[in-house]
Amino acid sequence: MTNRLPHSLRSDARDNRERILAVTRALFAAQGLDVPMREIARRAEVGPATLYRHFPTKEALVTEVFTEEMAACTAIVDEGLADPDPWRGFCRMIEQVCELHARNRGFTAAFVSAFPRALDFAAQRERALGKVAELARRAGATGRLRPDFVLDDLIMVLMANSGIRTTTQDLAVAAARRFAALLIQGMRAEPAMPPLPPAVRLPLTVTNVHP
């Protein structure tokens, strides 16, 4: 029995860690990064001490949660770079990134802010932005991307996209698609105007309307 005890403890620790990560992903996706650590512990059915034993800081927890999401974001940009038509690749990148961020409010906050400042996440983010800059350079060389586009515009896009508030995730994604289409039209250096996706009726609430 004593021989089996260490393995059992390790198994319990793994289960706790996986449950903490699963709960954190769901809470961050729905509510953003402001969820208190005590609420995460409560939802994961572990004590605060257990949570902090696995993740000593909220920064460490955020970094762990969004490692896979960051990889997905980078893969979207890589797909755009691989497109033989740089403008099409650029447009597709904007569409997919807006949709990705609409599905996960917490990731948007982590991506566009200084938090987390953990080296691994920051390095991944900088690599992704470097690839976006290269894709924008190629799209600009085709003459179809407006010449005054700068990388900071993408950060502004993500911040604006994160402001979309809906009652369901499906509505958030639909709104993000229309938002991306509007953005792409505004980024064109030519007057062509393809039709927009269907309009989405957004709830006007105190949380998303500011004077």
N, C-alpha and C. Protein backbone atom coordinates (compact mmCIF):
# COMPACT_ATOMS: atom_id res chain seq x y z
N MET A 1 0.84 -1.21 0.00
CA MET A 1 0.00 0.00 0.00
C MET A 1 0.87 1.26 0.00
N THR A 2 1.95 1.24 0.81
CA THR A 2 2.84 2.40 0.82
C THR A 2 3.52 2.57 -0.52
N ASN A 3 3.76 1.47 -1.25
CA ASN A 3 4.38 1.58 -2.57
C ASN A 3 3.45 2.25 -3.57
N ARG A 4 2.13 2.06 -3.38
CA ARG A 4 1.18 2.64 -4.32
C ARG A 4 0.87 4.10 -4.01
N LEU A 5 1.15 4.54 -2.80
CA LEU A 5 0.76 5.87 -2.37
C LEU A 5 1.37 7.00 -3.19
N PRO A 6 2.69 7.01 -3.47
CA PRO A 6 3.26 8.11 -4.26
C PRO A 6 2.61 8.22 -5.64
N HIS A 7 2.36 7.07 -6.28
CA HIS A 7 1.73 7.11 -7.61
C HIS A 7 0.33 7.69 -7.51
N SER A 8 -0.40 7.33 -6.43
CA SER A 8 -1.75 7.85 -6.25
C SER A 8 -1.73 9.36 -6.05
N LEU A 9 -0.76 9.84 -5.27
CA LEU A 9 -0.64 11.27 -5.06
C LEU A 9 -0.31 12.00 -6.35
N ARG A 10 0.58 11.40 -7.14
CA ARG A 10 0.92 12.03 -8.42
C ARG A 10 -0.29 12.08 -9.33
N SER A 11 -1.09 11.00 -9.31
CA SER A 11 -2.29 10.95 -10.13
C SER A 11 -3.29 12.02 -9.69
N ASP A 12 -3.46 12.17 -8.37
CA ASP A 12 -4.36 13.21 -7.85
C ASP A 12 -3.88 14.59 -8.25
N ALA A 13 -2.57 14.80 -8.17
CA ALA A 13 -2.01 16.11 -8.53
C ALA A 13 -2.24 16.40 -10.00
N ARG A 14 -2.06 15.39 -10.86
CA ARG A 14 -2.31 15.58 -12.30
C ARG A 14 -3.77 15.91 -12.55
N ASP A 15 -4.66 15.18 -11.86
CA ASP A 15 -6.09 15.44 -12.03
C ASP A 15 -6.44 16.86 -11.61
N ASN A 16 -5.88 17.29 -10.48
CA ASN A 16 -6.14 18.65 -10.01
C ASN A 16 -5.65 19.69 -11.01
N ARG A 17 -4.46 19.46 -11.52
CA ARG A 17 -3.86 20.41 -12.47
C ARG A 17 -4.71 20.50 -13.74
N GLU A 18 -5.13 19.35 -14.27
CA GLU A 18 -5.93 19.34 -15.50
C GLU A 18 -7.29 20.00 -15.26
N ARG A 19 -7.87 19.76 -14.10
CA ARG A 19 -9.16 20.37 -13.79
C ARG A 19 -9.02 21.89 -13.64
N ILE A 20 -7.95 22.33 -13.00
CA ILE A 20 -7.70 23.77 -12.86
C ILE A 20 -7.58 24.41 -14.23
N LEU A 21 -6.81 23.78 -15.12
CA LEU A 21 -6.61 24.35 -16.45
C LEU A 21 -7.91 24.38 -17.25
N ALA A 22 -8.70 23.30 -17.15
CA ALA A 22 -9.97 23.24 -17.90
C ALA A 22 -10.93 24.32 -17.41
N VAL A 23 -11.04 24.48 -16.10
CA VAL A 23 -11.92 25.50 -15.53
C VAL A 23 -11.44 26.90 -15.91
N THR A 24 -10.13 27.10 -15.84
CA THR A 24 -9.57 28.43 -16.15
C THR A 24 -9.83 28.78 -17.61
N ARG A 25 -9.64 27.84 -18.52
CA ARG A 25 -9.90 28.10 -19.95
C ARG A 25 -11.34 28.57 -20.15
N ALA A 26 -12.27 27.85 -19.53
CA ALA A 26 -13.68 28.18 -19.70
C ALA A 26 -14.00 29.56 -19.11
N LEU A 27 -13.48 29.85 -17.93
CA LEU A 27 -13.76 31.13 -17.29
C LEU A 27 -13.12 32.29 -18.04
N PHE A 28 -11.86 32.13 -18.46
CA PHE A 28 -11.19 33.19 -19.20
C PHE A 28 -11.87 33.43 -20.54
N ALA A 29 -12.28 32.35 -21.21
CA ALA A 29 -12.94 32.49 -22.51
C ALA A 29 -14.23 33.28 -22.38
N ALA A 30 -14.97 33.03 -21.32
CA ALA A 30 -16.28 33.69 -21.15
C ALA A 30 -16.18 35.06 -20.51
N GLN A 31 -15.23 35.25 -19.57
CA GLN A 31 -15.23 36.46 -18.76
C GLN A 31 -13.98 37.31 -18.90
N GLY A 32 -12.95 36.80 -19.54
CA GLY A 32 -11.70 37.54 -19.62
C GLY A 32 -10.78 37.21 -18.46
N LEU A 33 -9.73 38.02 -18.30
CA LEU A 33 -8.68 37.71 -17.33
C LEU A 33 -8.97 38.19 -15.91
N ASP A 34 -10.08 38.87 -15.69
CA ASP A 34 -10.35 39.45 -14.38
C ASP A 34 -10.90 38.46 -13.36
N VAL A 35 -11.07 37.21 -13.76
CA VAL A 35 -11.60 36.21 -12.84
C VAL A 35 -10.62 36.02 -11.68
N PRO A 36 -11.07 36.16 -10.43
CA PRO A 36 -10.17 36.00 -9.29
C PRO A 36 -9.66 34.57 -9.16
N MET A 37 -8.45 34.43 -8.64
CA MET A 37 -7.87 33.11 -8.43
C MET A 37 -8.73 32.27 -7.48
N ARG A 38 -9.32 32.89 -6.47
CA ARG A 38 -10.18 32.14 -5.54
C ARG A 38 -11.40 31.57 -6.24
N GLU A 39 -11.93 32.30 -7.23
CA GLU A 39 -13.07 31.79 -7.99
C GLU A 39 -12.66 30.61 -8.84
N ILE A 40 -11.47 30.67 -9.41
CA ILE A 40 -10.95 29.55 -10.19
C ILE A 40 -10.80 28.32 -9.30
N ALA A 41 -10.24 28.51 -8.12
CA ALA A 41 -10.07 27.39 -7.19
C ALA A 41 -11.44 26.80 -6.80
N ARG A 42 -12.40 27.68 -6.53
CA ARG A 42 -13.74 27.21 -6.14
C ARG A 42 -14.38 26.40 -7.25
N ARG A 43 -14.32 26.90 -8.49
CA ARG A 43 -14.93 26.19 -9.62
C ARG A 43 -14.20 24.86 -9.91
N ALA A 44 -12.90 24.85 -9.67
CA ALA A 44 -12.12 23.63 -9.91
C ALA A 44 -12.21 22.65 -8.74
N GLU A 45 -12.87 23.07 -7.66
CA GLU A 45 -13.07 22.23 -6.47
C GLU A 45 -11.74 21.84 -5.84
N VAL A 46 -10.85 22.84 -5.75
CA VAL A 46 -9.59 22.65 -5.04
C VAL A 46 -9.42 23.84 -4.09
N GLY A 47 -8.56 23.68 -3.10
CA GLY A 47 -8.28 24.77 -2.19
C GLY A 47 -7.34 25.78 -2.83
N PRO A 48 -7.36 27.03 -2.36
CA PRO A 48 -6.41 28.02 -2.89
C PRO A 48 -4.96 27.58 -2.80
N ALA A 49 -4.62 26.87 -1.73
CA ALA A 49 -3.24 26.40 -1.57
C ALA A 49 -2.86 25.44 -2.69
N THR A 50 -3.79 24.57 -3.07
CA THR A 50 -3.53 23.63 -4.17
C THR A 50 -3.34 24.38 -5.48
N LEU A 51 -4.20 25.37 -5.71
CA LEU A 51 -4.07 26.16 -6.94
C LEU A 51 -2.70 26.84 -7.00
N TYR A 52 -2.30 27.48 -5.90
CA TYR A 52 -1.02 28.21 -5.91
C TYR A 52 0.17 27.28 -5.91
N ARG A 53 -0.02 26.06 -5.45
CA ARG A 53 1.07 25.08 -5.54
C ARG A 53 1.37 24.72 -6.99
N HIS A 54 0.32 24.62 -7.78
CA HIS A 54 0.50 24.32 -9.21
C HIS A 54 0.90 25.56 -10.00
N PHE A 55 0.29 26.70 -9.65
CA PHE A 55 0.53 27.95 -10.38
C PHE A 55 0.76 29.06 -9.36
N PRO A 56 2.02 29.35 -9.04
CA PRO A 56 2.33 30.32 -7.97
C PRO A 56 1.79 31.72 -8.22
N THR A 57 1.59 32.09 -9.50
CA THR A 57 1.07 33.41 -9.83
C THR A 57 -0.01 33.27 -10.91
N LYS A 58 -0.84 34.28 -11.01
CA LYS A 58 -1.86 34.28 -12.05
C LYS A 58 -1.20 34.35 -13.42
N GLU A 59 -0.09 35.05 -13.50
CA GLU A 59 0.66 35.14 -14.75
C GLU A 59 1.07 33.77 -15.25
N ALA A 60 1.54 32.91 -14.34
CA ALA A 60 1.94 31.55 -14.71
C ALA A 60 0.74 30.76 -15.22
N LEU A 61 -0.41 30.96 -14.58
CA LEU A 61 -1.62 30.25 -15.00
C LEU A 61 -2.08 30.72 -16.38
N VAL A 62 -2.09 32.03 -16.60
CA VAL A 62 -2.49 32.58 -17.89
C VAL A 62 -1.59 32.06 -19.00
N THR A 63 -0.30 32.05 -18.74
CA THR A 63 0.66 31.60 -19.75
C THR A 63 0.42 30.14 -20.13
N GLU A 64 0.19 29.31 -19.12
CA GLU A 64 -0.05 27.90 -19.37
C GLU A 64 -1.34 27.69 -20.16
N VAL A 65 -2.38 28.42 -19.79
CA VAL A 65 -3.69 28.25 -20.43
C VAL A 65 -3.65 28.63 -21.90
N PHE A 66 -2.89 29.69 -22.22
CA PHE A 66 -2.96 30.21 -23.58
C PHE A 66 -1.81 29.77 -24.49
N THR A 67 -1.01 28.82 -24.03
CA THR A 67 0.08 28.33 -24.88
C THR A 67 -0.47 27.71 -26.17
N GLU A 68 -1.49 26.87 -26.03
CA GLU A 68 -2.08 26.23 -27.22
C GLU A 68 -2.78 27.26 -28.10
N GLU A 69 -3.44 28.22 -27.48
CA GLU A 69 -4.16 29.25 -28.25
C GLU A 69 -3.16 30.11 -29.05
N MET A 70 -2.02 30.37 -28.43
CA MET A 70 -0.99 31.15 -29.11
C MET A 70 -0.46 30.37 -30.32
N ALA A 71 -0.31 29.06 -30.16
CA ALA A 71 0.14 28.22 -31.27
C ALA A 71 -0.88 28.24 -32.40
N ALA A 72 -2.17 28.24 -32.06
CA ALA A 72 -3.22 28.30 -33.08
C ALA A 72 -3.18 29.63 -33.81
N CYS A 73 -2.93 30.70 -33.08
CA CYS A 73 -2.83 32.03 -33.68
C CYS A 73 -1.66 32.09 -34.66
N THR A 74 -0.53 31.55 -34.25
CA THR A 74 0.65 31.54 -35.11
C THR A 74 0.40 30.70 -36.36
N ALA A 75 -0.31 29.59 -36.20
CA ALA A 75 -0.61 28.72 -37.35
C ALA A 75 -1.48 29.45 -38.37
N ILE A 76 -2.40 30.30 -37.91
CA ILE A 76 -3.23 31.09 -38.81
C ILE A 76 -2.36 32.02 -39.66
N VAL A 77 -1.40 32.67 -39.01
CA VAL A 77 -0.51 33.58 -39.75
C VAL A 77 0.36 32.79 -40.72
N ASP A 78 0.85 31.63 -40.31
CA ASP A 78 1.67 30.78 -41.19
C ASP A 78 0.87 30.37 -42.43
N GLU A 79 -0.40 30.08 -42.23
CA GLU A 79 -1.26 29.71 -43.36
C GLU A 79 -1.40 30.88 -44.33
N GLY A 80 -1.53 32.09 -43.78
CA GLY A 80 -1.59 33.27 -44.64
C GLY A 80 -0.31 33.47 -45.42
N LEU A 81 0.83 33.25 -44.78
CA LEU A 81 2.12 33.40 -45.46
C LEU A 81 2.30 32.35 -46.55
N ALA A 82 1.70 31.18 -46.37
CA ALA A 82 1.85 30.11 -47.35
C ALA A 82 0.97 30.30 -48.58
N ASP A 83 -0.01 31.20 -48.50
CA ASP A 83 -0.91 31.44 -49.64
C ASP A 83 -0.11 32.11 -50.76
N PRO A 84 -0.20 31.59 -51.99
CA PRO A 84 0.53 32.21 -53.09
C PRO A 84 0.04 33.61 -53.44
N ASP A 85 -1.18 33.96 -53.00
CA ASP A 85 -1.71 35.31 -53.18
C ASP A 85 -1.61 36.02 -51.83
N PRO A 86 -0.62 36.90 -51.61
CA PRO A 86 -0.42 37.52 -50.30
C PRO A 86 -1.63 38.32 -49.81
N TRP A 87 -2.33 38.99 -50.71
CA TRP A 87 -3.50 39.76 -50.28
C TRP A 87 -4.59 38.82 -49.76
N ARG A 88 -4.83 37.74 -50.48
CA ARG A 88 -5.83 36.77 -50.03
C ARG A 88 -5.40 36.16 -48.68
N GLY A 89 -4.11 35.85 -48.56
CA GLY A 89 -3.60 35.31 -47.30
C GLY A 89 -3.75 36.30 -46.16
N PHE A 90 -3.52 37.57 -46.44
CA PHE A 90 -3.67 38.62 -45.43
C PHE A 90 -5.13 38.72 -44.99
N CYS A 91 -6.05 38.75 -45.95
CA CYS A 91 -7.48 38.85 -45.63
C CYS A 91 -7.95 37.65 -44.81
N ARG A 92 -7.51 36.47 -45.22
CA ARG A 92 -7.91 35.26 -44.50
C ARG A 92 -7.36 35.28 -43.09
N MET A 93 -6.16 35.80 -42.92
CA MET A 93 -5.57 35.90 -41.59
C MET A 93 -6.42 36.81 -40.70
N ILE A 94 -6.83 37.97 -41.22
CA ILE A 94 -7.66 38.89 -40.45
C ILE A 94 -8.96 38.21 -40.04
N GLU A 95 -9.60 37.53 -40.98
CA GLU A 95 -10.87 36.85 -40.69
C GLU A 95 -10.72 35.81 -39.59
N GLN A 96 -9.70 34.97 -39.72
CA GLN A 96 -9.54 33.87 -38.77
C GLN A 96 -9.10 34.36 -37.39
N VAL A 97 -8.24 35.36 -37.35
CA VAL A 97 -7.80 35.89 -36.05
C VAL A 97 -8.96 36.56 -35.33
N CYS A 98 -9.78 37.32 -36.05
CA CYS A 98 -10.95 37.94 -35.43
C CYS A 98 -11.89 36.87 -34.87
N GLU A 99 -12.07 35.79 -35.62
CA GLU A 99 -12.95 34.72 -35.14
C GLU A 99 -12.36 34.02 -33.92
N LEU A 100 -11.06 33.75 -33.97
CA LEU A 100 -10.39 33.11 -32.83
C LEU A 100 -10.55 33.94 -31.57
N HIS A 101 -10.33 35.24 -31.70
CA HIS A 101 -10.41 36.11 -30.53
C HIS A 101 -11.86 36.31 -30.08
N ALA A 102 -12.81 36.22 -30.99
CA ALA A 102 -14.22 36.32 -30.59
C ALA A 102 -14.63 35.12 -29.74
N ARG A 103 -14.00 33.99 -29.98
CA ARG A 103 -14.33 32.78 -29.22
C ARG A 103 -13.70 32.79 -27.82
N ASN A 104 -12.69 33.63 -27.62
CA ASN A 104 -11.97 33.58 -26.35
C ASN A 104 -11.56 34.98 -25.92
N ARG A 105 -12.37 35.61 -25.08
CA ARG A 105 -12.09 36.97 -24.64
C ARG A 105 -10.80 37.05 -23.84
N GLY A 106 -10.51 36.01 -23.07
CA GLY A 106 -9.31 36.03 -22.25
C GLY A 106 -8.05 36.06 -23.08
N PHE A 107 -8.05 35.32 -24.19
CA PHE A 107 -6.87 35.30 -25.03
C PHE A 107 -6.62 36.65 -25.66
N THR A 108 -7.68 37.33 -26.06
CA THR A 108 -7.52 38.67 -26.62
C THR A 108 -6.83 39.59 -25.61
N ALA A 109 -7.32 39.56 -24.37
CA ALA A 109 -6.74 40.40 -23.33
C ALA A 109 -5.27 40.06 -23.10
N ALA A 110 -4.95 38.77 -23.09
CA ALA A 110 -3.57 38.35 -22.87
C ALA A 110 -2.70 38.77 -24.04
N PHE A 111 -3.24 38.70 -25.25
CA PHE A 111 -2.43 39.00 -26.44
C PHE A 111 -2.13 40.48 -26.57
N VAL A 112 -3.11 41.33 -26.34
CA VAL A 112 -2.92 42.76 -26.62
C VAL A 112 -2.35 43.53 -25.45
N SER A 113 -2.26 42.92 -24.28
CA SER A 113 -1.78 43.65 -23.11
C SER A 113 -0.38 43.19 -22.71
N ALA A 114 0.17 43.88 -21.75
CA ALA A 114 1.48 43.51 -21.22
C ALA A 114 1.38 42.29 -20.31
N PHE A 115 0.17 41.88 -19.97
CA PHE A 115 -0.03 40.72 -19.10
C PHE A 115 -0.50 39.55 -19.94
N PRO A 116 0.08 38.37 -19.85
CA PRO A 116 1.19 38.09 -18.95
C PRO A 116 2.53 38.54 -19.53
N ARG A 117 3.47 38.86 -18.67
CA ARG A 117 4.79 39.28 -19.11
C ARG A 117 5.76 38.11 -19.12
N ALA A 118 5.24 36.90 -18.91
CA ALA A 118 6.11 35.73 -18.89
C ALA A 118 6.85 35.61 -20.21
N LEU A 119 8.10 35.24 -20.14
CA LEU A 119 8.99 35.26 -21.31
C LEU A 119 8.47 34.39 -22.44
N ASP A 120 8.00 33.18 -22.11
CA ASP A 120 7.59 32.25 -23.16
C ASP A 120 6.44 32.82 -23.98
N PHE A 121 5.42 33.35 -23.29
CA PHE A 121 4.27 33.88 -24.01
C PHE A 121 4.65 35.11 -24.81
N ALA A 122 5.43 36.00 -24.20
CA ALA A 122 5.84 37.23 -24.88
C ALA A 122 6.65 36.91 -26.12
N ALA A 123 7.53 35.92 -26.02
CA ALA A 123 8.36 35.56 -27.18
C ALA A 123 7.49 35.00 -28.31
N GLN A 124 6.51 34.17 -27.96
CA GLN A 124 5.61 33.63 -28.98
C GLN A 124 4.80 34.74 -29.64
N ARG A 125 4.35 35.67 -28.83
CA ARG A 125 3.55 36.78 -29.36
C ARG A 125 4.38 37.62 -30.32
N GLU A 126 5.63 37.89 -29.95
CA GLU A 126 6.49 38.70 -30.81
C GLU A 126 6.79 37.99 -32.12
N ARG A 127 6.97 36.67 -32.07
CA ARG A 127 7.19 35.91 -33.31
C ARG A 127 5.97 35.99 -34.21
N ALA A 128 4.78 35.85 -33.61
CA ALA A 128 3.54 35.93 -34.41
C ALA A 128 3.40 37.30 -35.04
N LEU A 129 3.67 38.35 -34.29
CA LEU A 129 3.55 39.71 -34.83
C LEU A 129 4.59 39.96 -35.91
N GLY A 130 5.78 39.38 -35.77
CA GLY A 130 6.79 39.51 -36.81
C GLY A 130 6.33 38.88 -38.12
N LYS A 131 5.65 37.74 -38.01
CA LYS A 131 5.13 37.08 -39.21
C LYS A 131 3.98 37.88 -39.82
N VAL A 132 3.16 38.49 -38.97
CA VAL A 132 2.09 39.35 -39.49
C VAL A 132 2.69 40.52 -40.27
N ALA A 133 3.76 41.10 -39.74
CA ALA A 133 4.41 42.21 -40.42
C ALA A 133 4.93 41.79 -41.79
N GLU A 134 5.48 40.58 -41.88
CA GLU A 134 5.97 40.08 -43.17
C GLU A 134 4.81 39.85 -44.13
N LEU A 135 3.71 39.29 -43.62
CA LEU A 135 2.53 39.06 -44.47
C LEU A 135 1.98 40.39 -44.97
N ALA A 136 1.93 41.41 -44.09
CA ALA A 136 1.46 42.73 -44.50
C ALA A 136 2.39 43.34 -45.55
N ARG A 137 3.68 43.13 -45.39
CA ARG A 137 4.64 43.66 -46.37
C ARG A 137 4.38 43.04 -47.75
N ARG A 138 4.15 41.73 -47.77
CA ARG A 138 3.88 41.05 -49.04
C ARG A 138 2.56 41.52 -49.65
N ALA A 139 1.54 41.65 -48.79
CA ALA A 139 0.24 42.12 -49.28
C ALA A 139 0.35 43.54 -49.83
N GLY A 140 1.16 44.37 -49.16
CA GLY A 140 1.37 45.73 -49.63
C GLY A 140 2.06 45.77 -50.98
N ALA A 141 2.95 44.81 -51.20
CA ALA A 141 3.69 44.77 -52.47
C ALA A 141 2.77 44.45 -53.65
N THR A 142 1.60 43.86 -53.38
CA THR A 142 0.65 43.57 -54.46
C THR A 142 -0.11 44.83 -54.89
N GLY A 143 -0.06 45.87 -54.06
CA GLY A 143 -0.79 47.10 -54.35
C GLY A 143 -2.23 47.09 -53.88
N ARG A 144 -2.64 46.00 -53.21
CA ARG A 144 -4.04 45.91 -52.79
C ARG A 144 -4.25 46.27 -51.31
N LEU A 145 -3.18 46.32 -50.54
CA LEU A 145 -3.28 46.77 -49.15
C LEU A 145 -2.89 48.24 -49.09
N ARG A 146 -3.70 49.03 -48.41
CA ARG A 146 -3.42 50.46 -48.36
C ARG A 146 -2.02 50.69 -47.78
N PRO A 147 -1.26 51.61 -48.34
CA PRO A 147 0.15 51.76 -47.97
C PRO A 147 0.36 52.30 -46.56
N ASP A 148 -0.68 52.87 -45.94
CA ASP A 148 -0.49 53.43 -44.61
C ASP A 148 -0.83 52.43 -43.49
N PHE A 149 -1.07 51.16 -43.87
CA PHE A 149 -1.30 50.14 -42.84
C PHE A 149 -0.03 49.93 -42.03
N VAL A 150 -0.19 49.87 -40.69
CA VAL A 150 0.93 49.58 -39.80
C VAL A 150 0.53 48.46 -38.86
N LEU A 151 1.53 47.82 -38.26
CA LEU A 151 1.26 46.67 -37.40
C LEU A 151 0.38 47.04 -36.21
N ASP A 152 0.52 48.25 -35.70
CA ASP A 152 -0.32 48.69 -34.59
C ASP A 152 -1.80 48.66 -34.94
N ASP A 153 -2.11 48.76 -36.25
CA ASP A 153 -3.51 48.68 -36.67
C ASP A 153 -4.11 47.33 -36.29
N LEU A 154 -3.31 46.27 -36.38
CA LEU A 154 -3.82 44.94 -36.03
C LEU A 154 -4.15 44.87 -34.55
N ILE A 155 -3.30 45.45 -33.70
CA ILE A 155 -3.59 45.47 -32.27
C ILE A 155 -4.88 46.23 -32.01
N MET A 156 -5.06 47.35 -32.70
CA MET A 156 -6.29 48.13 -32.55
C MET A 156 -7.50 47.31 -32.98
N VAL A 157 -7.34 46.55 -34.07
CA VAL A 157 -8.41 45.68 -34.56
C VAL A 157 -8.81 44.67 -33.48
N LEU A 158 -7.82 44.04 -32.86
CA LEU A 158 -8.10 43.02 -31.86
C LEU A 158 -8.76 43.63 -30.63
N MET A 159 -8.31 44.81 -30.25
CA MET A 159 -8.92 45.48 -29.11
C MET A 159 -10.38 45.83 -29.41
N ALA A 160 -10.64 46.31 -30.62
CA ALA A 160 -12.02 46.63 -31.01
C ALA A 160 -12.87 45.37 -31.09
N ASN A 161 -12.30 44.31 -31.66
CA ASN A 161 -13.02 43.06 -31.80
C ASN A 161 -13.40 42.49 -30.44
N SER A 162 -12.53 42.69 -29.45
CA SER A 162 -12.81 42.16 -28.11
C SER A 162 -13.95 42.90 -27.43
N GLY A 163 -14.32 44.07 -27.97
CA GLY A 163 -15.42 44.84 -27.39
C GLY A 163 -16.79 44.33 -27.79
N ILE A 164 -16.86 43.37 -28.71
CA ILE A 164 -18.15 42.82 -29.13
C ILE A 164 -18.75 42.02 -27.97
N ARG A 165 -19.98 42.34 -27.60
CA ARG A 165 -20.68 41.64 -26.52
C ARG A 165 -21.98 41.07 -27.06
N THR A 166 -22.17 39.78 -26.91
CA THR A 166 -23.37 39.12 -27.39
C THR A 166 -23.88 38.16 -26.33
N THR A 167 -25.05 37.60 -26.58
CA THR A 167 -25.63 36.66 -25.62
C THR A 167 -25.10 35.25 -25.81
N THR A 168 -24.56 34.92 -26.98
CA THR A 168 -24.02 33.59 -27.24
C THR A 168 -22.71 33.71 -28.00
N GLN A 169 -21.92 32.64 -27.93
CA GLN A 169 -20.66 32.64 -28.66
C GLN A 169 -20.91 32.62 -30.18
N ASP A 170 -21.95 31.94 -30.62
CA ASP A 170 -22.25 31.91 -32.06
C ASP A 170 -22.50 33.32 -32.60
N LEU A 171 -23.23 34.12 -31.84
CA LEU A 171 -23.47 35.50 -32.26
C LEU A 171 -22.18 36.31 -32.27
N ALA A 172 -21.31 36.05 -31.28
CA ALA A 172 -20.03 36.76 -31.22
C ALA A 172 -19.18 36.44 -32.45
N VAL A 173 -19.17 35.19 -32.86
CA VAL A 173 -18.40 34.79 -34.04
C VAL A 173 -18.99 35.41 -35.30
N ALA A 174 -20.33 35.40 -35.42
CA ALA A 174 -20.98 36.00 -36.59
C ALA A 174 -20.67 37.49 -36.66
N ALA A 175 -20.71 38.16 -35.51
CA ALA A 175 -20.41 39.59 -35.48
C ALA A 175 -18.94 39.83 -35.84
N ALA A 176 -18.05 38.96 -35.36
CA ALA A 176 -16.63 39.11 -35.67
C ALA A 176 -16.36 38.94 -37.16
N ARG A 177 -17.12 38.06 -37.81
CA ARG A 177 -16.94 37.87 -39.26
C ARG A 177 -17.35 39.13 -40.03
N ARG A 178 -18.46 39.73 -39.62
CA ARG A 178 -18.88 40.97 -40.29
C ARG A 178 -17.87 42.08 -40.00
N PHE A 179 -17.43 42.16 -38.77
CA PHE A 179 -16.43 43.16 -38.38
C PHE A 179 -15.17 43.01 -39.22
N ALA A 180 -14.71 41.76 -39.42
CA ALA A 180 -13.52 41.51 -40.22
C ALA A 180 -13.73 41.94 -41.66
N ALA A 181 -14.92 41.68 -42.20
CA ALA A 181 -15.21 42.08 -43.58
C ALA A 181 -15.18 43.60 -43.73
N LEU A 182 -15.74 44.30 -42.74
CA LEU A 182 -15.70 45.76 -42.77
C LEU A 182 -14.26 46.27 -42.71
N LEU A 183 -13.46 45.63 -41.86
CA LEU A 183 -12.06 46.03 -41.72
C LEU A 183 -11.30 45.83 -43.03
N ILE A 184 -11.51 44.70 -43.65
CA ILE A 184 -10.79 44.39 -44.89
C ILE A 184 -11.14 45.40 -45.97
N GLN A 185 -12.42 45.78 -46.04
CA GLN A 185 -12.80 46.80 -47.01
C GLN A 185 -12.08 48.11 -46.73
N GLY A 186 -11.95 48.44 -45.45
CA GLY A 186 -11.26 49.67 -45.08
C GLY A 186 -9.76 49.62 -45.34
N MET A 187 -9.20 48.40 -45.40
CA MET A 187 -7.77 48.24 -45.63
C MET A 187 -7.40 48.16 -47.10
N ARG A 188 -8.40 48.07 -47.96
CA ARG A 188 -8.13 47.96 -49.39
C ARG A 188 -7.57 49.26 -49.95
N ALA A 189 -6.65 49.09 -50.86
CA ALA A 189 -6.12 50.26 -51.57
C ALA A 189 -6.85 50.48 -52.88
N GLU A 190 -7.89 49.69 -53.11
CA GLU A 190 -8.66 49.79 -54.35
C GLU A 190 -10.14 49.90 -53.99
N PRO A 191 -10.99 50.38 -54.87
CA PRO A 191 -12.38 50.65 -54.51
C PRO A 191 -13.30 49.44 -54.53
N ALA A 192 -12.79 48.25 -54.86
CA ALA A 192 -13.68 47.08 -54.95
C ALA A 192 -14.36 46.83 -53.61
N MET A 193 -15.67 46.58 -53.64
CA MET A 193 -16.42 46.39 -52.42
C MET A 193 -17.27 45.12 -52.50
N PRO A 194 -16.73 43.98 -52.08
CA PRO A 194 -17.54 42.76 -52.08
C PRO A 194 -18.63 42.85 -51.01
N PRO A 195 -19.70 42.07 -51.15
CA PRO A 195 -20.80 42.15 -50.18
C PRO A 195 -20.35 41.73 -48.78
N LEU A 196 -20.95 42.37 -47.77
CA LEU A 196 -20.65 42.02 -46.39
C LEU A 196 -21.41 40.77 -45.97
N PRO A 197 -20.90 40.05 -44.97
CA PRO A 197 -21.69 38.95 -44.38
C PRO A 197 -22.96 39.52 -43.76
N PRO A 198 -23.91 38.65 -43.41
CA PRO A 198 -25.18 39.13 -42.83
C PRO A 198 -24.93 39.96 -41.57
N ALA A 199 -25.78 40.96 -41.38
CA ALA A 199 -25.69 41.80 -40.19
C ALA A 199 -26.11 41.01 -38.96
N VAL A 200 -25.56 41.39 -37.81
CA VAL A 200 -25.89 40.75 -36.53
C VAL A 200 -26.48 41.80 -35.60
N ARG A 201 -27.64 41.50 -35.02
CA ARG A 201 -28.27 42.42 -34.08
C ARG A 201 -27.59 42.26 -32.72
N LEU A 202 -26.90 43.30 -32.25
CA LEU A 202 -26.17 43.24 -31.00
C LEU A 202 -26.97 43.88 -29.88
N PRO A 203 -26.95 43.30 -28.68
CA PRO A 203 -27.69 43.92 -27.57
C PRO A 203 -27.01 45.20 -27.11
N LEU A 204 -27.78 46.24 -26.91
CA LEU A 204 -27.24 47.50 -26.42
C LEU A 204 -27.37 47.50 -24.89
N THR A 205 -26.26 47.32 -24.21
CA THR A 205 -26.26 47.24 -22.75
C THR A 205 -25.24 48.21 -22.19
N VAL A 206 -25.32 48.41 -20.91
CA VAL A 206 -24.39 49.32 -20.25
C VAL A 206 -22.96 48.84 -20.42
N THR A 207 -22.78 47.53 -20.52
CA THR A 207 -21.42 46.98 -20.59
C THR A 207 -20.75 47.22 -21.91
N ASN A 208 -21.51 47.45 -22.98
CA ASN A 208 -20.84 47.61 -24.26
C ASN A 208 -21.15 48.94 -24.96
N VAL A 209 -21.84 49.85 -24.27
CA VAL A 209 -22.10 51.15 -24.85
C VAL A 209 -21.52 52.20 -23.91
N HIS A 210 -20.65 53.01 -24.43
CA HIS A 210 -20.00 54.04 -23.60
C HIS A 210 -20.24 55.41 -24.24
N PRO A 211 -20.43 56.45 -23.45
CA PRO A 211 -20.66 57.79 -24.00
C PRO A 211 -19.45 58.31 -24.71
